[in-house]
Amino acid sequence: MTDDSMEAARRSLDPERLLPGEDLASNDPADVARWVTIYRELKETKQTLADDLAAALETASQAARAELESVDMVLISVQLDRFERRFTYWSDRERELSTMAGREK
């Protein structure tokens, strides 16, 4: 395995990893809305991959199914969980900022 692929594998499994430019303390409504959109896209794409893989497992040989379930599906699930947590975080943050803006008026 190359150094690049090892680093990609490590990053893909880091449950706390932020995307480049992501600032959890952002108070900018446009920035927060952008992260909601990004994480919605990521989780929907990853869910599509999980669904497609699950469908492929139905016709896979026992050996292929065992490998795909024990490795690929686990990796996709870990990544999907992270994307869902971040989507929830940014969605909650968006509501919080909206509520704060409403009080300031």
PDB file of N, CA and C in Angstrom:
ATOM      1  N   MET A   1       0.845  -1.171   0.000  1.00  0.00           N
ATOM      2  CA  MET A   1       0.000   0.000   0.000  1.00  0.00           C
ATOM      3  C   MET A   1       0.894   1.239   0.000  1.00  0.00           C
ATOM      4  N   THR A   2       0.546   2.216  -0.802  1.00  0.00           N
ATOM      5  CA  THR A   2       1.343   3.439  -0.869  1.00  0.00           C
ATOM      6  C   THR A   2       1.050   4.327   0.329  1.00  0.00           C
ATOM      7  N   ASP A   3       1.933   5.280   0.564  1.00  0.00           N
ATOM      8  CA  ASP A   3       1.716   6.237   1.649  1.00  0.00           C
ATOM      9  C   ASP A   3       0.417   7.003   1.440  1.00  0.00           C
ATOM     10  N   ASP A   4       0.124   7.371   0.184  1.00  0.00           N
ATOM     11  CA  ASP A   4      -1.109   8.109  -0.113  1.00  0.00           C
ATOM     12  C   ASP A   4      -2.346   7.285   0.221  1.00  0.00           C
ATOM     13  N   SER A   5      -2.327   6.007  -0.131  1.00  0.00           N
ATOM     14  CA  SER A   5      -3.500   5.176   0.144  1.00  0.00           C
ATOM     15  C   SER A   5      -3.639   4.898   1.637  1.00  0.00           C
ATOM     16  N   MET A   6      -2.517   4.765   2.344  1.00  0.00           N
ATOM     17  CA  MET A   6      -2.569   4.585   3.803  1.00  0.00           C
ATOM     18  C   MET A   6      -3.155   5.831   4.467  1.00  0.00           C
ATOM     19  N   GLU A   7      -2.740   6.999   3.998  1.00  0.00           N
ATOM     20  CA  GLU A   7      -3.253   8.252   4.560  1.00  0.00           C
ATOM     21  C   GLU A   7      -4.739   8.407   4.260  1.00  0.00           C
ATOM     22  N   ALA A   8      -5.155   8.065   3.053  1.00  0.00           N
ATOM     23  CA  ALA A   8      -6.579   8.145   2.699  1.00  0.00           C
ATOM     24  C   ALA A   8      -7.399   7.200   3.570  1.00  0.00           C
ATOM     25  N   ALA A   9      -6.893   6.000   3.812  1.00  0.00           N
ATOM     26  CA  ALA A   9      -7.600   5.041   4.667  1.00  0.00           C
ATOM     27  C   ALA A   9      -7.706   5.577   6.089  1.00  0.00           C
ATOM     28  N   ARG A  10      -6.629   6.139   6.608  1.00  0.00           N
ATOM     29  CA  ARG A  10      -6.644   6.699   7.959  1.00  0.00           C
ATOM     30  C   ARG A  10      -7.656   7.839   8.066  1.00  0.00           C
ATOM     31  N   ARG A  11      -7.619   8.745   7.092  1.00  0.00           N
ATOM     32  CA  ARG A  11      -8.539   9.888   7.111  1.00  0.00           C
ATOM     33  C   ARG A  11      -9.987   9.437   7.005  1.00  0.00           C
ATOM     34  N   SER A  12     -10.240   8.438   6.177  1.00  0.00           N
ATOM     35  CA  SER A  12     -11.625   8.003   5.961  1.00  0.00           C
ATOM     36  C   SER A  12     -12.240   7.412   7.217  1.00  0.00           C
ATOM     37  N   LEU A  13     -11.412   6.939   8.136  1.00  0.00           N
ATOM     38  CA  LEU A  13     -11.923   6.308   9.353  1.00  0.00           C
ATOM     39  C   LEU A  13     -11.865   7.210  10.577  1.00  0.00           C
ATOM     40  N   ASP A  14     -11.380   8.427  10.423  1.00  0.00           N
ATOM     41  CA  ASP A  14     -11.297   9.357  11.549  1.00  0.00           C
ATOM     42  C   ASP A  14     -12.674   9.976  11.780  1.00  0.00           C
ATOM     43  N   PRO A  15     -13.352   9.591  12.874  1.00  0.00           N
ATOM     44  CA  PRO A  15     -14.723  10.067  13.083  1.00  0.00           C
ATOM     45  C   PRO A  15     -14.826  11.563  13.387  1.00  0.00           C
ATOM     46  N   GLU A  16     -13.721  12.187  13.744  1.00  0.00           N
ATOM     47  CA  GLU A  16     -13.740  13.608  14.101  1.00  0.00           C
ATOM     48  C   GLU A  16     -13.117  14.497  13.032  1.00  0.00           C
ATOM     49  N   ARG A  17     -12.716  13.912  11.931  1.00  0.00           N
ATOM     50  CA  ARG A  17     -12.027  14.685  10.889  1.00  0.00           C
ATOM     51  C   ARG A  17     -12.954  15.738  10.289  1.00  0.00           C
ATOM     52  N   LEU A  18     -12.419  16.949  10.173  1.00  0.00           N
ATOM     53  CA  LEU A  18     -13.146  18.038   9.527  1.00  0.00           C
ATOM     54  C   LEU A  18     -12.711  18.120   8.073  1.00  0.00           C
ATOM     55  N   LEU A  19     -13.585  18.614   7.245  1.00  0.00           N
ATOM     56  CA  LEU A  19     -13.232  18.860   5.851  1.00  0.00           C
ATOM     57  C   LEU A  19     -12.421  20.155   5.767  1.00  0.00           C
ATOM     58  N   PRO A  20     -11.605  20.308   4.729  1.00  0.00           N
ATOM     59  CA  PRO A  20     -10.827  21.543   4.585  1.00  0.00           C
ATOM     60  C   PRO A  20     -11.738  22.772   4.621  1.00  0.00           C
ATOM     61  N   GLY A  21     -11.378  23.726   5.486  1.00  0.00           N
ATOM     62  CA  GLY A  21     -12.141  24.961   5.609  1.00  0.00           C
ATOM     63  C   GLY A  21     -13.305  24.896   6.582  1.00  0.00           C
ATOM     64  N   GLU A  22     -13.587  23.726   7.117  1.00  0.00           N
ATOM     65  CA  GLU A  22     -14.724  23.566   8.037  1.00  0.00           C
ATOM     66  C   GLU A  22     -14.345  24.100   9.415  1.00  0.00           C
ATOM     67  N   ASP A  23     -15.145  25.042   9.920  1.00  0.00           N
ATOM     68  CA  ASP A  23     -14.917  25.657  11.227  1.00  0.00           C
ATOM     69  C   ASP A  23     -16.179  25.474  12.060  1.00  0.00           C
ATOM     70  N   LEU A  24     -16.120  24.578  13.044  1.00  0.00           N
ATOM     71  CA  LEU A  24     -17.303  24.267  13.848  1.00  0.00           C
ATOM     72  C   LEU A  24     -17.806  25.458  14.657  1.00  0.00           C
ATOM     73  N   ALA A  25     -16.983  26.470  14.828  1.00  0.00           N
ATOM     74  CA  ALA A  25     -17.385  27.648  15.593  1.00  0.00           C
ATOM     75  C   ALA A  25     -17.928  28.769  14.712  1.00  0.00           C
ATOM     76  N   SER A  26     -18.118  28.510  13.446  1.00  0.00           N
ATOM     77  CA  SER A  26     -18.568  29.554  12.521  1.00  0.00           C
ATOM     78  C   SER A  26     -19.915  30.136  12.948  1.00  0.00           C
ATOM     79  N   ASN A  27     -19.990  31.465  12.896  1.00  0.00           N
ATOM     80  CA  ASN A  27     -21.242  32.182  13.163  1.00  0.00           C
ATOM     81  C   ASN A  27     -21.815  32.801  11.898  1.00  0.00           C
ATOM     82  N   ASP A  28     -21.212  32.517  10.772  1.00  0.00           N
ATOM     83  CA  ASP A  28     -21.644  33.074   9.494  1.00  0.00           C
ATOM     84  C   ASP A  28     -22.764  32.203   8.918  1.00  0.00           C
ATOM     85  N   PRO A  29     -23.992  32.735   8.833  1.00  0.00           N
ATOM     86  CA  PRO A  29     -25.110  31.935   8.326  1.00  0.00           C
ATOM     87  C   PRO A  29     -24.867  31.341   6.939  1.00  0.00           C
ATOM     88  N   ALA A  30     -24.191  32.075   6.066  1.00  0.00           N
ATOM     89  CA  ALA A  30     -23.917  31.553   4.720  1.00  0.00           C
ATOM     90  C   ALA A  30     -22.944  30.378   4.783  1.00  0.00           C
ATOM     91  N   ASP A  31     -21.950  30.479   5.642  1.00  0.00           N
ATOM     92  CA  ASP A  31     -20.984  29.397   5.813  1.00  0.00           C
ATOM     93  C   ASP A  31     -21.672  28.161   6.390  1.00  0.00           C
ATOM     94  N   VAL A  32     -22.503  28.367   7.382  1.00  0.00           N
ATOM     95  CA  VAL A  32     -23.232  27.259   8.007  1.00  0.00           C
ATOM     96  C   VAL A  32     -24.147  26.588   6.982  1.00  0.00           C
ATOM     97  N   ALA A  33     -24.863  27.379   6.207  1.00  0.00           N
ATOM     98  CA  ALA A  33     -25.751  26.823   5.172  1.00  0.00           C
ATOM     99  C   ALA A  33     -24.951  26.026   4.143  1.00  0.00           C
ATOM    100  N   ARG A  34     -23.767  26.497   3.826  1.00  0.00           N
ATOM    101  CA  ARG A  34     -22.900  25.782   2.875  1.00  0.00           C
ATOM    102  C   ARG A  34     -22.529  24.405   3.417  1.00  0.00           C
ATOM    103  N   TRP A  35     -22.221  24.320   4.717  1.00  0.00           N
ATOM    104  CA  TRP A  35     -21.861  23.026   5.302  1.00  0.00           C
ATOM    105  C   TRP A  35     -23.063  22.099   5.398  1.00  0.00           C
ATOM    106  N   VAL A  36     -24.240  22.643   5.633  1.00  0.00           N
ATOM    107  CA  VAL A  36     -25.450  21.808   5.607  1.00  0.00           C
ATOM    108  C   VAL A  36     -25.580  21.169   4.228  1.00  0.00           C
ATOM    109  N   THR A  37     -25.406  21.967   3.193  1.00  0.00           N
ATOM    110  CA  THR A  37     -25.518  21.470   1.815  1.00  0.00           C
ATOM    111  C   THR A  37     -24.439  20.430   1.510  1.00  0.00           C
ATOM    112  N   ILE A  38     -23.212  20.711   1.903  1.00  0.00           N
ATOM    113  CA  ILE A  38     -22.102  19.789   1.635  1.00  0.00           C
ATOM    114  C   ILE A  38     -22.342  18.449   2.317  1.00  0.00           C
ATOM    115  N   TYR A  39     -22.716  18.483   3.591  1.00  0.00           N
ATOM    116  CA  TYR A  39     -22.904  17.219   4.305  1.00  0.00           C
ATOM    117  C   TYR A  39     -24.166  16.484   3.859  1.00  0.00           C
ATOM    118  N   ARG A  40     -25.175  17.211   3.420  1.00  0.00           N
ATOM    119  CA  ARG A  40     -26.348  16.544   2.839  1.00  0.00           C
ATOM    120  C   ARG A  40     -25.918  15.768   1.595  1.00  0.00           C
ATOM    121  N   GLU A  41     -25.141  16.423   0.745  1.00  0.00           N
ATOM    122  CA  GLU A  41     -24.658  15.778  -0.476  1.00  0.00           C
ATOM    123  C   GLU A  41     -23.780  14.563  -0.159  1.00  0.00           C
ATOM    124  N   LEU A  42     -22.881  14.708   0.794  1.00  0.00           N
ATOM    125  CA  LEU A  42     -22.002  13.595   1.155  1.00  0.00           C
ATOM    126  C   LEU A  42     -22.781  12.409   1.711  1.00  0.00           C
ATOM    127  N   LYS A  43     -23.724  12.681   2.610  1.00  0.00           N
ATOM    128  CA  LYS A  43     -24.462  11.557   3.202  1.00  0.00           C
ATOM    129  C   LYS A  43     -25.397  10.906   2.193  1.00  0.00           C
ATOM    130  N   GLU A  44     -25.993  11.685   1.300  1.00  0.00           N
ATOM    131  CA  GLU A  44     -26.855  11.094   0.272  1.00  0.00           C
ATOM    132  C   GLU A  44     -26.040  10.240  -0.700  1.00  0.00           C
ATOM    133  N   THR A  45     -24.864  10.722  -1.076  1.00  0.00           N
ATOM    134  CA  THR A  45     -24.002   9.957  -1.973  1.00  0.00           C
ATOM    135  C   THR A  45     -23.530   8.675  -1.303  1.00  0.00           C
ATOM    136  N   LYS A  46     -23.103   8.778  -0.053  1.00  0.00           N
ATOM    137  CA  LYS A  46     -22.626   7.592   0.665  1.00  0.00           C
ATOM    138  C   LYS A  46     -23.768   6.606   0.889  1.00  0.00           C
ATOM    139  N   GLN A  47     -24.982   7.105   1.134  1.00  0.00           N
ATOM    140  CA  GLN A  47     -26.133   6.212   1.299  1.00  0.00           C
ATOM    141  C   GLN A  47     -26.428   5.476  -0.004  1.00  0.00           C
ATOM    142  N   THR A  48     -26.295   6.172  -1.125  1.00  0.00           N
ATOM    143  CA  THR A  48     -26.480   5.524  -2.428  1.00  0.00           C
ATOM    144  C   THR A  48     -25.465   4.397  -2.610  1.00  0.00           C
ATOM    145  N   LEU A  49     -24.214   4.647  -2.236  1.00  0.00           N
ATOM    146  CA  LEU A  49     -23.190   3.601  -2.321  1.00  0.00           C
ATOM    147  C   LEU A  49     -23.544   2.407  -1.437  1.00  0.00           C
ATOM    148  N   ALA A  50     -24.009   2.679  -0.216  1.00  0.00           N
ATOM    149  CA  ALA A  50     -24.396   1.599   0.699  1.00  0.00           C
ATOM    150  C   ALA A  50     -25.562   0.800   0.134  1.00  0.00           C
ATOM    151  N   ASP A  51     -26.542   1.493  -0.414  1.00  0.00           N
ATOM    152  CA  ASP A  51     -27.705   0.814  -1.003  1.00  0.00           C
ATOM    153  C   ASP A  51     -27.300  -0.031  -2.208  1.00  0.00           C
ATOM    154  N   ASP A  52     -26.444   0.521  -3.060  1.00  0.00           N
ATOM    155  CA  ASP A  52     -25.974  -0.221  -4.236  1.00  0.00           C
ATOM    156  C   ASP A  52     -25.166  -1.450  -3.824  1.00  0.00           C
ATOM    157  N   LEU A  53     -24.324  -1.290  -2.814  1.00  0.00           N
ATOM    158  CA  LEU A  53     -23.537  -2.424  -2.337  1.00  0.00           C
ATOM    159  C   LEU A  53     -24.445  -3.494  -1.734  1.00  0.00           C
ATOM    160  N   ALA A  54     -25.434  -3.075  -0.953  1.00  0.00           N
ATOM    161  CA  ALA A  54     -26.376  -4.035  -0.366  1.00  0.00           C
ATOM    162  C   ALA A  54     -27.100  -4.816  -1.457  1.00  0.00           C
ATOM    163  N   ALA A  55     -27.474  -4.141  -2.521  1.00  0.00           N
ATOM    164  CA  ALA A  55     -28.146  -4.821  -3.636  1.00  0.00           C
ATOM    165  C   ALA A  55     -27.196  -5.806  -4.315  1.00  0.00           C
ATOM    166  N   ALA A  56     -25.944  -5.423  -4.471  1.00  0.00           N
ATOM    167  CA  ALA A  56     -24.958  -6.304  -5.107  1.00  0.00           C
ATOM    168  C   ALA A  56     -24.678  -7.537  -4.253  1.00  0.00           C
ATOM    169  N   LEU A  57     -24.787  -7.393  -2.946  1.00  0.00           N
ATOM    170  CA  LEU A  57     -24.535  -8.526  -2.051  1.00  0.00           C
ATOM    171  C   LEU A  57     -25.533  -9.658  -2.265  1.00  0.00           C
ATOM    172  N   GLU A  58     -26.726  -9.307  -2.718  1.00  0.00           N
ATOM    173  CA  GLU A  58     -27.772 -10.317  -2.909  1.00  0.00           C
ATOM    174  C   GLU A  58     -27.373 -11.369  -3.936  1.00  0.00           C
ATOM    175  N   THR A  59     -26.571 -10.995  -4.913  1.00  0.00           N
ATOM    176  CA  THR A  59     -26.192 -11.938  -5.970  1.00  0.00           C
ATOM    177  C   THR A  59     -24.712 -12.328  -5.911  1.00  0.00           C
ATOM    178  N   ALA A  60     -24.000 -11.834  -4.924  1.00  0.00           N
ATOM    179  CA  ALA A  60     -22.568 -12.127  -4.812  1.00  0.00           C
ATOM    180  C   ALA A  60     -22.347 -13.538  -4.273  1.00  0.00           C
ATOM    181  N   SER A  61     -21.231 -14.116  -4.643  1.00  0.00           N
ATOM    182  CA  SER A  61     -20.861 -15.419  -4.084  1.00  0.00           C
ATOM    183  C   SER A  61     -20.627 -15.268  -2.583  1.00  0.00           C
ATOM    184  N   GLN A  62     -20.612 -16.377  -1.885  1.00  0.00           N
ATOM    185  CA  GLN A  62     -20.428 -16.335  -0.435  1.00  0.00           C
ATOM    186  C   GLN A  62     -19.095 -15.671  -0.071  1.00  0.00           C
ATOM    187  N   ALA A  63     -18.030 -16.008  -0.783  1.00  0.00           N
ATOM    188  CA  ALA A  63     -16.713 -15.435  -0.486  1.00  0.00           C
ATOM    189  C   ALA A  63     -16.692 -13.929  -0.750  1.00  0.00           C
ATOM    190  N   ALA A  64     -17.259 -13.517  -1.872  1.00  0.00           N
ATOM    191  CA  ALA A  64     -17.301 -12.088  -2.194  1.00  0.00           C
ATOM    192  C   ALA A  64     -18.175 -11.346  -1.192  1.00  0.00           C
ATOM    193  N   ARG A  65     -19.318 -11.933  -0.859  1.00  0.00           N
ATOM    194  CA  ARG A  65     -20.231 -11.301   0.095  1.00  0.00           C
ATOM    195  C   ARG A  65     -19.551 -11.124   1.457  1.00  0.00           C
ATOM    196  N   ALA A  66     -18.835 -12.147   1.906  1.00  0.00           N
ATOM    197  CA  ALA A  66     -18.151 -12.062   3.197  1.00  0.00           C
ATOM    198  C   ALA A  66     -17.143 -10.914   3.208  1.00  0.00           C
ATOM    199  N   GLU A  67     -16.371 -10.782   2.144  1.00  0.00           N
ATOM    200  CA  GLU A  67     -15.386  -9.702   2.055  1.00  0.00           C
ATOM    201  C   GLU A  67     -16.065  -8.338   1.996  1.00  0.00           C
ATOM    202  N   LEU A  68     -17.063  -8.211   1.167  1.00  0.00           N
ATOM    203  CA  LEU A  68     -17.755  -6.927   1.010  1.00  0.00           C
ATOM    204  C   LEU A  68     -18.467  -6.506   2.291  1.00  0.00           C
ATOM    205  N   GLU A  69     -19.071  -7.462   2.985  1.00  0.00           N
ATOM    206  CA  GLU A  69     -19.770  -7.133   4.235  1.00  0.00           C
ATOM    207  C   GLU A  69     -18.801  -6.785   5.361  1.00  0.00           C
ATOM    208  N   SER A  70     -17.688  -7.504   5.425  1.00  0.00           N
ATOM    209  CA  SER A  70     -16.772  -7.315   6.550  1.00  0.00           C
ATOM    210  C   SER A  70     -15.807  -6.146   6.365  1.00  0.00           C
ATOM    211  N   VAL A  71     -15.655  -5.678   5.136  1.00  0.00           N
ATOM    212  CA  VAL A  71     -14.729  -4.569   4.895  1.00  0.00           C
ATOM    213  C   VAL A  71     -15.458  -3.368   4.297  1.00  0.00           C
ATOM    214  N   ASP A  72     -15.925  -3.503   3.085  1.00  0.00           N
ATOM    215  CA  ASP A  72     -16.497  -2.359   2.369  1.00  0.00           C
ATOM    216  C   ASP A  72     -17.723  -1.777   3.070  1.00  0.00           C
ATOM    217  N   MET A  73     -18.645  -2.638   3.474  1.00  0.00           N
ATOM    218  CA  MET A  73     -19.866  -2.143   4.116  1.00  0.00           C
ATOM    219  C   MET A  73     -19.543  -1.474   5.451  1.00  0.00           C
ATOM    220  N   VAL A  74     -18.563  -2.011   6.170  1.00  0.00           N
ATOM    221  CA  VAL A  74     -18.154  -1.410   7.443  1.00  0.00           C
ATOM    222  C   VAL A  74     -17.565  -0.021   7.204  1.00  0.00           C
ATOM    223  N   LEU A  75     -16.684   0.098   6.217  1.00  0.00           N
ATOM    224  CA  LEU A  75     -16.079   1.400   5.915  1.00  0.00           C
ATOM    225  C   LEU A  75     -17.131   2.423   5.500  1.00  0.00           C
ATOM    226  N   ILE A  76     -18.028   2.014   4.633  1.00  0.00           N
ATOM    227  CA  ILE A  76     -19.094   2.917   4.186  1.00  0.00           C
ATOM    228  C   ILE A  76     -19.959   3.333   5.366  1.00  0.00           C
ATOM    229  N   SER A  77     -20.261   2.397   6.248  1.00  0.00           N
ATOM    230  CA  SER A  77     -21.095   2.693   7.416  1.00  0.00           C
ATOM    231  C   SER A  77     -20.421   3.701   8.349  1.00  0.00           C
ATOM    232  N   VAL A  78     -19.123   3.529   8.587  1.00  0.00           N
ATOM    233  CA  VAL A  78     -18.380   4.468   9.437  1.00  0.00           C
ATOM    234  C   VAL A  78     -18.404   5.866   8.824  1.00  0.00           C
ATOM    235  N   GLN A  79     -18.168   5.941   7.531  1.00  0.00           N
ATOM    236  CA  GLN A  79     -18.165   7.237   6.854  1.00  0.00           C
ATOM    237  C   GLN A  79     -19.561   7.856   6.851  1.00  0.00           C
ATOM    238  N   LEU A  80     -20.570   7.054   6.603  1.00  0.00           N
ATOM    239  CA  LEU A  80     -21.945   7.551   6.597  1.00  0.00           C
ATOM    240  C   LEU A  80     -22.331   8.083   7.970  1.00  0.00           C
ATOM    241  N   ASP A  81     -21.938   7.384   9.024  1.00  0.00           N
ATOM    242  CA  ASP A  81     -22.214   7.861  10.384  1.00  0.00           C
ATOM    243  C   ASP A  81     -21.593   9.231  10.620  1.00  0.00           C
ATOM    244  N   ARG A  82     -20.356   9.411  10.178  1.00  0.00           N
ATOM    245  CA  ARG A  82     -19.687  10.707  10.346  1.00  0.00           C
ATOM    246  C   ARG A  82     -20.414  11.802   9.584  1.00  0.00           C
ATOM    247  N   PHE A  83     -20.794  11.512   8.346  1.00  0.00           N
ATOM    248  CA  PHE A  83     -21.499  12.510   7.545  1.00  0.00           C
ATOM    249  C   PHE A  83     -22.851  12.850   8.162  1.00  0.00           C
ATOM    250  N   GLU A  84     -23.549  11.871   8.697  1.00  0.00           N
ATOM    251  CA  GLU A  84     -24.843  12.127   9.339  1.00  0.00           C
ATOM    252  C   GLU A  84     -24.673  12.974  10.595  1.00  0.00           C
ATOM    253  N   ARG A  85     -23.637  12.682  11.396  1.00  0.00           N
ATOM    254  CA  ARG A  85     -23.386  13.492  12.602  1.00  0.00           C
ATOM    255  C   ARG A  85     -23.070  14.933  12.236  1.00  0.00           C
ATOM    256  N   ARG A  86     -22.227  15.120  11.218  1.00  0.00           N
ATOM    257  CA  ARG A  86     -21.869  16.483  10.812  1.00  0.00           C
ATOM    258  C   ARG A  86     -23.063  17.206  10.195  1.00  0.00           C
ATOM    259  N   PHE A  87     -23.880  16.514   9.425  1.00  0.00           N
ATOM    260  CA  PHE A  87     -25.087  17.116   8.861  1.00  0.00           C
ATOM    261  C   PHE A  87     -26.007  17.575   9.993  1.00  0.00           C
ATOM    262  N   THR A  88     -26.189  16.726  10.995  1.00  0.00           N
ATOM    263  CA  THR A  88     -27.026  17.088  12.144  1.00  0.00           C
ATOM    264  C   THR A  88     -26.434  18.289  12.875  1.00  0.00           C
ATOM    265  N   TYR A  89     -25.116  18.282  13.076  1.00  0.00           N
ATOM    266  CA  TYR A  89     -24.464  19.402  13.746  1.00  0.00           C
ATOM    267  C   TYR A  89     -24.736  20.706  13.004  1.00  0.00           C
ATOM    268  N   TRP A  90     -24.481  20.721  11.692  1.00  0.00           N
ATOM    269  CA  TRP A  90     -24.642  21.949  10.924  1.00  0.00           C
ATOM    270  C   TRP A  90     -26.106  22.346  10.791  1.00  0.00           C
ATOM    271  N   SER A  91     -27.005  21.396  10.703  1.00  0.00           N
ATOM    272  CA  SER A  91     -28.442  21.715  10.651  1.00  0.00           C
ATOM    273  C   SER A  91     -28.889  22.350  11.960  1.00  0.00           C
ATOM    274  N   ASP A  92     -28.436  21.786  13.077  1.00  0.00           N
ATOM    275  CA  ASP A  92     -28.757  22.360  14.388  1.00  0.00           C
ATOM    276  C   ASP A  92     -28.157  23.754  14.520  1.00  0.00           C
ATOM    277  N   ARG A  93     -26.933  23.913  14.039  1.00  0.00           N
ATOM    278  CA  ARG A  93     -26.260  25.215  14.100  1.00  0.00           C
ATOM    279  C   ARG A  93     -27.018  26.248  13.263  1.00  0.00           C
ATOM    280  N   GLU A  94     -27.522  25.830  12.119  1.00  0.00           N
ATOM    281  CA  GLU A  94     -28.295  26.724  11.258  1.00  0.00           C
ATOM    282  C   GLU A  94     -29.561  27.191  11.976  1.00  0.00           C
ATOM    283  N   ARG A  95     -30.259  26.272  12.640  1.00  0.00           N
ATOM    284  CA  ARG A  95     -31.465  26.643  13.400  1.00  0.00           C
ATOM    285  C   ARG A  95     -31.115  27.577  14.555  1.00  0.00           C
ATOM    286  N   GLU A  96     -30.017  27.291  15.225  1.00  0.00           N
ATOM    287  CA  GLU A  96     -29.576  28.119  16.345  1.00  0.00           C
ATOM    288  C   GLU A  96     -29.292  29.548  15.893  1.00  0.00           C
ATOM    289  N   LEU A  97     -28.567  29.700  14.798  1.00  0.00           N
ATOM    290  CA  LEU A  97     -28.265  31.042  14.289  1.00  0.00           C
ATOM    291  C   LEU A  97     -29.524  31.756  13.819  1.00  0.00           C
ATOM    292  N   SER A  98     -30.449  31.013  13.236  1.00  0.00           N
ATOM    293  CA  SER A  98     -31.709  31.597  12.785  1.00  0.00           C
ATOM    294  C   SER A  98     -32.520  32.101  13.977  1.00  0.00           C
ATOM    295  N   THR A  99     -32.540  31.325  15.040  1.00  0.00           N
ATOM    296  CA  THR A  99     -33.251  31.726  16.257  1.00  0.00           C
ATOM    297  C   THR A  99     -32.606  32.963  16.869  1.00  0.00           C
ATOM    298  N   MET A 100     -31.267  32.982  16.905  1.00  0.00           N
ATOM    299  CA  MET A 100     -30.554  34.140  17.452  1.00  0.00           C
ATOM    300  C   MET A 100     -30.836  35.388  16.621  1.00  0.00           C
ATOM    301  N   ALA A 101     -30.869  35.249  15.310  1.00  0.00           N
ATOM    302  CA  ALA A 101     -31.135  36.388  14.427  1.00  0.00           C
ATOM    303  C   ALA A 101     -32.551  36.898  14.640  1.00  0.00           C
ATOM    304  N   GLY A 102     -33.494  36.001  14.885  1.00  0.00           N
ATOM    305  CA  GLY A 102     -34.878  36.389  15.134  1.00  0.00           C
ATOM    306  C   GLY A 102     -35.028  37.177  16.422  1.00  0.00           C
ATOM    307  N   ARG A 103     -34.245  36.844  17.425  1.00  0.00           N
ATOM    308  CA  ARG A 103     -34.295  37.554  18.707  1.00  0.00           C
ATOM    309  C   ARG A 103     -33.694  38.949  18.609  1.00  0.00           C
ATOM    310  N   GLU A 104     -32.735  39.116  17.701  1.00  0.00           N
ATOM    311  CA  GLU A 104     -32.056  40.405  17.564  1.00  0.00           C
ATOM    312  C   GLU A 104     -32.917  41.440  16.860  1.00  0.00           C
ATOM    313  N   LYS A 105     -33.970  40.998  16.203  1.00  0.00           N
ATOM    314  CA  LYS A 105     -34.818  41.939  15.454  1.00  0.00           C
ATOM    315  C   LYS A 105     -35.760  42.676  16.353  1.00  0.00           C
TER     316      LYS A 105
END
